[in-house]
PDB file of all heavy atoms in Angstrom:
ATOM      1  N   THR A   1       0.866  -1.178   0.026  1.00  0.00           N
ATOM      2  CA  THR A   1      -0.030  -0.005  -0.017  1.00  0.00           C
ATOM      3  C   THR A   1       0.916   1.270   0.008  1.00  0.00           C
ATOM      4  O   THR A   1       1.071   1.929   1.009  1.00  0.00           O
ATOM      5  CB  THR A   1      -0.919  -0.030   1.213  1.00  0.00           C
ATOM      6  OG1 THR A   1      -0.129  -0.292   2.402  1.00  0.00           O
ATOM      7  CG2 THR A   1      -2.049  -1.079   1.138  1.00  0.00           C
ATOM      8  N   GLU A   2       1.508   1.499  -1.158  1.00  0.00           N
ATOM      9  CA  GLU A   2       2.415   2.554  -1.313  1.00  0.00           C
ATOM     10  C   GLU A   2       1.978   3.455  -2.527  1.00  0.00           C
ATOM     11  O   GLU A   2       1.676   2.971  -3.563  1.00  0.00           O
ATOM     12  CB  GLU A   2       3.821   2.019  -1.576  1.00  0.00           C
ATOM     13  CG  GLU A   2       4.908   3.046  -1.835  1.00  0.00           C
ATOM     14  CD  GLU A   2       6.262   2.412  -2.032  1.00  0.00           C
ATOM     15  OE1 GLU A   2       6.492   1.324  -1.606  1.00  0.00           O
ATOM     16  OE2 GLU A   2       7.086   3.143  -2.702  1.00  0.00           O
ATOM     17  N   THR A   3       1.972   4.760  -2.267  1.00  0.00           N
ATOM     18  CA  THR A   3       1.588   5.714  -3.289  1.00  0.00           C
ATOM     19  C   THR A   3       2.758   6.667  -3.636  1.00  0.00           C
ATOM     20  O   THR A   3       3.468   7.077  -2.709  1.00  0.00           O
ATOM     21  CB  THR A   3       0.320   6.584  -2.837  1.00  0.00           C
ATOM     22  OG1 THR A   3      -0.644   5.685  -2.455  1.00  0.00           O
ATOM     23  CG2 THR A   3      -0.086   7.458  -3.957  1.00  0.00           C
ATOM     24  N   LEU A   4       2.907   6.952  -4.959  1.00  0.00           N
ATOM     25  CA  LEU A   4       3.911   7.876  -5.401  1.00  0.00           C
ATOM     26  C   LEU A   4       3.306   9.196  -5.767  1.00  0.00           C
ATOM     27  O   LEU A   4       2.267   9.227  -6.453  1.00  0.00           O
ATOM     28  CB  LEU A   4       4.686   7.282  -6.588  1.00  0.00           C
ATOM     29  CG  LEU A   4       5.727   8.243  -7.258  1.00  0.00           C
ATOM     30  CD1 LEU A   4       6.929   8.443  -6.357  1.00  0.00           C
ATOM     31  CD2 LEU A   4       6.221   7.616  -8.593  1.00  0.00           C
ATOM     32  N   ARG A   5       3.887  10.294  -5.265  1.00  0.00           N
ATOM     33  CA  ARG A   5       3.423  11.611  -5.642  1.00  0.00           C
ATOM     34  C   ARG A   5       4.632  12.542  -5.862  1.00  0.00           C
ATOM     35  O   ARG A   5       5.688  12.320  -5.275  1.00  0.00           O
ATOM     36  CB  ARG A   5       2.556  12.182  -4.574  1.00  0.00           C
ATOM     37  CG  ARG A   5       1.134  11.601  -4.403  1.00  0.00           C
ATOM     38  CD  ARG A   5       0.275  12.027  -5.541  1.00  0.00           C
ATOM     39  NE  ARG A   5      -1.119  11.599  -5.349  1.00  0.00           N
ATOM     40  CZ  ARG A   5      -1.552  10.498  -5.765  1.00  0.00           C
ATOM     41  NH1 ARG A   5      -0.860   9.676  -6.400  1.00  0.00           N
ATOM     42  NH2 ARG A   5      -2.824  10.166  -5.549  1.00  0.00           N
ATOM     43  N   PHE A   6       4.484  13.574  -6.615  1.00  0.00           N
ATOM     44  CA  PHE A   6       5.439  14.614  -6.713  1.00  0.00           C
ATOM     45  C   PHE A   6       4.822  15.872  -6.207  1.00  0.00           C
ATOM     46  O   PHE A   6       3.701  16.337  -6.642  1.00  0.00           O
ATOM     47  CB  PHE A   6       5.789  14.859  -8.252  1.00  0.00           C
ATOM     48  CG  PHE A   6       6.617  13.783  -8.832  1.00  0.00           C
ATOM     49  CD1 PHE A   6       6.000  12.807  -9.635  1.00  0.00           C
ATOM     50  CD2 PHE A   6       8.020  13.763  -8.720  1.00  0.00           C
ATOM     51  CE1 PHE A   6       6.800  11.841 -10.231  1.00  0.00           C
ATOM     52  CE2 PHE A   6       8.794  12.789  -9.282  1.00  0.00           C
ATOM     53  CZ  PHE A   6       8.169  11.777 -10.045  1.00  0.00           C
ATOM     54  N   THR A   7       5.578  16.616  -5.398  1.00  0.00           N
ATOM     55  CA  THR A   7       5.158  17.985  -4.965  1.00  0.00           C
ATOM     56  C   THR A   7       6.223  18.972  -5.253  1.00  0.00           C
ATOM     57  O   THR A   7       6.167  20.164  -4.908  1.00  0.00           O
ATOM     58  CB  THR A   7       4.899  18.079  -3.439  1.00  0.00           C
ATOM     59  OG1 THR A   7       5.993  17.544  -2.705  1.00  0.00           O
ATOM     60  CG2 THR A   7       3.577  17.235  -3.138  1.00  0.00           C
ATOM     61  N   THR A   8       7.287  18.530  -6.020  1.00  0.00           N
ATOM     62  CA  THR A   8       8.347  19.401  -6.511  1.00  0.00           C
ATOM     63  C   THR A   8       8.579  19.261  -7.984  1.00  0.00           C
ATOM     64  O   THR A   8       8.467  18.117  -8.471  1.00  0.00           O
ATOM     65  CB  THR A   8       9.663  19.191  -5.748  1.00  0.00           C
ATOM     66  OG1 THR A   8       9.369  19.222  -4.301  1.00  0.00           O
ATOM     67  CG2 THR A   8      10.729  20.271  -6.001  1.00  0.00           C
ATOM     68  N   ALA A   9       8.778  20.287  -8.640  1.00  0.00           N
ATOM     69  CA  ALA A   9       9.008  20.219 -10.137  1.00  0.00           C
ATOM     70  C   ALA A   9      10.149  21.132 -10.583  1.00  0.00           C
ATOM     71  O   ALA A   9      10.449  22.179 -10.032  1.00  0.00           O
ATOM     72  CB  ALA A   9       7.756  20.666 -10.875  1.00  0.00           C
ATOM     73  N   ILE A  10      10.950  20.638 -11.548  1.00  0.00           N
ATOM     74  CA  ILE A  10      11.935  21.449 -12.198  1.00  0.00           C
ATOM     75  C   ILE A  10      11.324  21.981 -13.462  1.00  0.00           C
ATOM     76  O   ILE A  10      10.915  21.320 -14.352  1.00  0.00           O
ATOM     77  CB  ILE A  10      13.162  20.566 -12.614  1.00  0.00           C
ATOM     78  CG1 ILE A  10      13.708  19.806 -11.408  1.00  0.00           C
ATOM     79  CG2 ILE A  10      14.244  21.398 -13.290  1.00  0.00           C
ATOM     80  CD1 ILE A  10      14.635  18.622 -11.782  1.00  0.00           C
ATOM     81  N   SER A  11      10.995  23.271 -13.429  1.00  0.00           N
ATOM     82  CA  SER A  11      10.044  23.841 -14.303  1.00  0.00           C
ATOM     83  C   SER A  11      10.533  25.097 -15.033  1.00  0.00           C
ATOM     84  O   SER A  11      11.650  25.635 -14.739  1.00  0.00           O
ATOM     85  CB  SER A  11       8.726  24.249 -13.616  1.00  0.00           C
ATOM     86  OG  SER A  11       8.935  25.369 -12.777  1.00  0.00           O
ATOM     87  N   THR A  12       9.708  25.736 -15.880  1.00  0.00           N
ATOM     88  CA  THR A  12       9.961  27.031 -16.526  1.00  0.00           C
ATOM     89  C   THR A  12      10.064  28.130 -15.444  1.00  0.00           C
ATOM     90  O   THR A  12      10.659  29.204 -15.722  1.00  0.00           O
ATOM     91  CB  THR A  12       8.803  27.382 -17.470  1.00  0.00           C
ATOM     92  OG1 THR A  12       7.593  27.455 -16.871  1.00  0.00           O
ATOM     93  CG2 THR A  12       8.775  26.407 -18.648  1.00  0.00           C
ATOM     94  N   ALA A  13       9.497  27.952 -14.263  1.00  0.00           N
ATOM     95  CA  ALA A  13       9.586  28.943 -13.201  1.00  0.00           C
ATOM     96  C   ALA A  13      10.686  28.581 -12.224  1.00  0.00           C
ATOM     97  O   ALA A  13      10.783  29.138 -11.044  1.00  0.00           O
ATOM     98  CB  ALA A  13       8.275  29.010 -12.477  1.00  0.00           C
ATOM     99  N   GLY A  14      11.627  27.708 -12.550  1.00  0.00           N
ATOM    100  CA  GLY A  14      12.695  27.229 -11.655  1.00  0.00           C
ATOM    101  C   GLY A  14      12.157  26.019 -10.886  1.00  0.00           C
ATOM    102  O   GLY A  14      11.302  25.260 -11.391  1.00  0.00           O
ATOM    103  N   ILE A  15      12.779  25.794  -9.787  1.00  0.00           N
ATOM    104  CA  ILE A  15      12.395  24.588  -8.950  1.00  0.00           C
ATOM    105  C   ILE A  15      11.273  25.069  -8.044  1.00  0.00           C
ATOM    106  O   ILE A  15      11.505  25.975  -7.233  1.00  0.00           O
ATOM    107  CB  ILE A  15      13.637  24.034  -8.104  1.00  0.00           C
ATOM    108  CG1 ILE A  15      14.645  23.584  -9.058  1.00  0.00           C
ATOM    109  CG2 ILE A  15      13.146  22.975  -7.161  1.00  0.00           C
ATOM    110  CD1 ILE A  15      15.954  23.056  -8.390  1.00  0.00           C
ATOM    111  N   VAL A  16      10.111  24.479  -8.179  1.00  0.00           N
ATOM    112  CA  VAL A  16       8.870  24.881  -7.561  1.00  0.00           C
ATOM    113  C   VAL A  16       8.434  23.760  -6.609  1.00  0.00           C
ATOM    114  O   VAL A  16       8.322  22.563  -7.006  1.00  0.00           O
ATOM    115  CB  VAL A  16       7.734  25.219  -8.504  1.00  0.00           C
ATOM    116  CG1 VAL A  16       6.460  25.485  -7.781  1.00  0.00           C
ATOM    117  CG2 VAL A  16       8.163  26.344  -9.410  1.00  0.00           C
ATOM    118  N   HIS A  17       8.215  24.085  -5.378  1.00  0.00           N
ATOM    119  CA  HIS A  17       7.764  23.127  -4.349  1.00  0.00           C
ATOM    120  C   HIS A  17       6.374  23.502  -3.840  1.00  0.00           C
ATOM    121  O   HIS A  17       6.169  24.641  -3.461  1.00  0.00           O
ATOM    122  CB  HIS A  17       8.754  23.056  -3.184  1.00  0.00           C
ATOM    123  CG  HIS A  17       8.306  22.134  -2.088  1.00  0.00           C
ATOM    124  ND1 HIS A  17       8.350  20.730  -2.270  1.00  0.00           N
ATOM    125  CD2 HIS A  17       7.796  22.299  -0.872  1.00  0.00           C
ATOM    126  CE1 HIS A  17       7.881  20.120  -1.139  1.00  0.00           C
ATOM    127  NE2 HIS A  17       7.554  21.141  -0.304  1.00  0.00           N
ATOM    128  N   LEU A  18       5.493  22.554  -3.872  1.00  0.00           N
ATOM    129  CA  LEU A  18       4.159  22.751  -3.387  1.00  0.00           C
ATOM    130  C   LEU A  18       4.069  22.202  -1.951  1.00  0.00           C
ATOM    131  O   LEU A  18       4.487  21.135  -1.649  1.00  0.00           O
ATOM    132  CB  LEU A  18       3.141  21.983  -4.219  1.00  0.00           C
ATOM    133  CG  LEU A  18       3.035  22.265  -5.706  1.00  0.00           C
ATOM    134  CD1 LEU A  18       2.145  21.231  -6.433  1.00  0.00           C
ATOM    135  CD2 LEU A  18       2.734  23.650  -6.008  1.00  0.00           C
ATOM    136  N   PRO A  19       3.552  22.957  -1.089  1.00  0.00           N
ATOM    137  CA  PRO A  19       3.441  22.556   0.430  1.00  0.00           C
ATOM    138  C   PRO A  19       2.315  21.647   0.776  1.00  0.00           C
ATOM    139  O   PRO A  19       1.809  21.637   1.866  1.00  0.00           O
ATOM    140  CB  PRO A  19       3.315  23.944   1.179  1.00  0.00           C
ATOM    141  CG  PRO A  19       2.539  24.757   0.237  1.00  0.00           C
ATOM    142  CD  PRO A  19       3.037  24.355  -1.148  1.00  0.00           C
ATOM    143  N   THR A  20       1.846  20.884  -0.303  1.00  0.00           N
ATOM    144  CA  THR A  20       0.704  20.068  -0.135  1.00  0.00           C
ATOM    145  C   THR A  20       0.857  19.077   1.054  1.00  0.00           C
ATOM    146  O   THR A  20      -0.033  19.020   1.961  1.00  0.00           O
ATOM    147  CB  THR A  20       0.502  19.229  -1.360  1.00  0.00           C
ATOM    148  OG1 THR A  20       0.352  20.147  -2.544  1.00  0.00           O
ATOM    149  CG2 THR A  20      -0.797  18.325  -1.316  1.00  0.00           C
ATOM    150  N   ALA A  21       1.985  18.370   1.104  1.00  0.00           N
ATOM    151  CA  ALA A  21       2.173  17.291   2.125  1.00  0.00           C
ATOM    152  C   ALA A  21       2.267  18.002   3.467  1.00  0.00           C
ATOM    153  O   ALA A  21       1.710  17.482   4.411  1.00  0.00           O
ATOM    154  CB  ALA A  21       3.440  16.559   1.861  1.00  0.00           C
ATOM    155  N   GLU A  22       2.906  19.091   3.571  1.00  0.00           N
ATOM    156  CA  GLU A  22       3.144  19.718   4.838  1.00  0.00           C
ATOM    157  C   GLU A  22       1.786  20.269   5.405  1.00  0.00           C
ATOM    158  O   GLU A  22       1.581  20.229   6.594  1.00  0.00           O
ATOM    159  CB  GLU A  22       4.109  20.993   4.694  1.00  0.00           C
ATOM    160  CG  GLU A  22       5.574  20.652   4.310  1.00  0.00           C
ATOM    161  CD  GLU A  22       5.812  20.560   2.927  1.00  0.00           C
ATOM    162  OE1 GLU A  22       4.936  20.044   2.159  1.00  0.00           O
ATOM    163  OE2 GLU A  22       6.927  20.954   2.456  1.00  0.00           O
ATOM    164  N   LEU A  23       0.884  20.722   4.494  1.00  0.00           N
ATOM    165  CA  LEU A  23      -0.414  21.179   4.928  1.00  0.00           C
ATOM    166  C   LEU A  23      -1.349  20.086   5.371  1.00  0.00           C
ATOM    167  O   LEU A  23      -2.249  20.264   6.220  1.00  0.00           O
ATOM    168  CB  LEU A  23      -1.062  22.062   3.800  1.00  0.00           C
ATOM    169  CG  LEU A  23      -0.318  23.385   3.514  1.00  0.00           C
ATOM    170  CD1 LEU A  23      -0.902  24.025   2.276  1.00  0.00           C
ATOM    171  CD2 LEU A  23      -0.291  24.310   4.732  1.00  0.00           C
ATOM    172  N   LEU A  24      -1.205  18.888   4.702  1.00  0.00           N
ATOM    173  CA  LEU A  24      -2.101  17.790   4.978  1.00  0.00           C
ATOM    174  C   LEU A  24      -1.710  17.092   6.316  1.00  0.00           C
ATOM    175  O   LEU A  24      -2.529  16.513   6.969  1.00  0.00           O
ATOM    176  CB  LEU A  24      -2.054  16.752   3.885  1.00  0.00           C
ATOM    177  CG  LEU A  24      -2.724  17.093   2.616  1.00  0.00           C
ATOM    178  CD1 LEU A  24      -2.441  16.063   1.517  1.00  0.00           C
ATOM    179  CD2 LEU A  24      -4.175  17.310   2.767  1.00  0.00           C
ATOM    180  N   ALA A  25      -0.412  17.186   6.670  1.00  0.00           N
ATOM    181  CA  ALA A  25       0.057  16.431   7.776  1.00  0.00           C
ATOM    182  C   ALA A  25      -0.347  17.020   9.098  1.00  0.00           C
ATOM    183  O   ALA A  25      -0.463  18.206   9.326  1.00  0.00           O
ATOM    184  CB  ALA A  25       1.599  16.341   7.792  1.00  0.00           C
TER     185      ALA A  25
END
């Protein structure tokens, strides 16, 4: 029972991190 997610991307706006996990915890 393991799920893979990305909350960080190497993008046109640089390295972008979403605080999704931090807010859910």
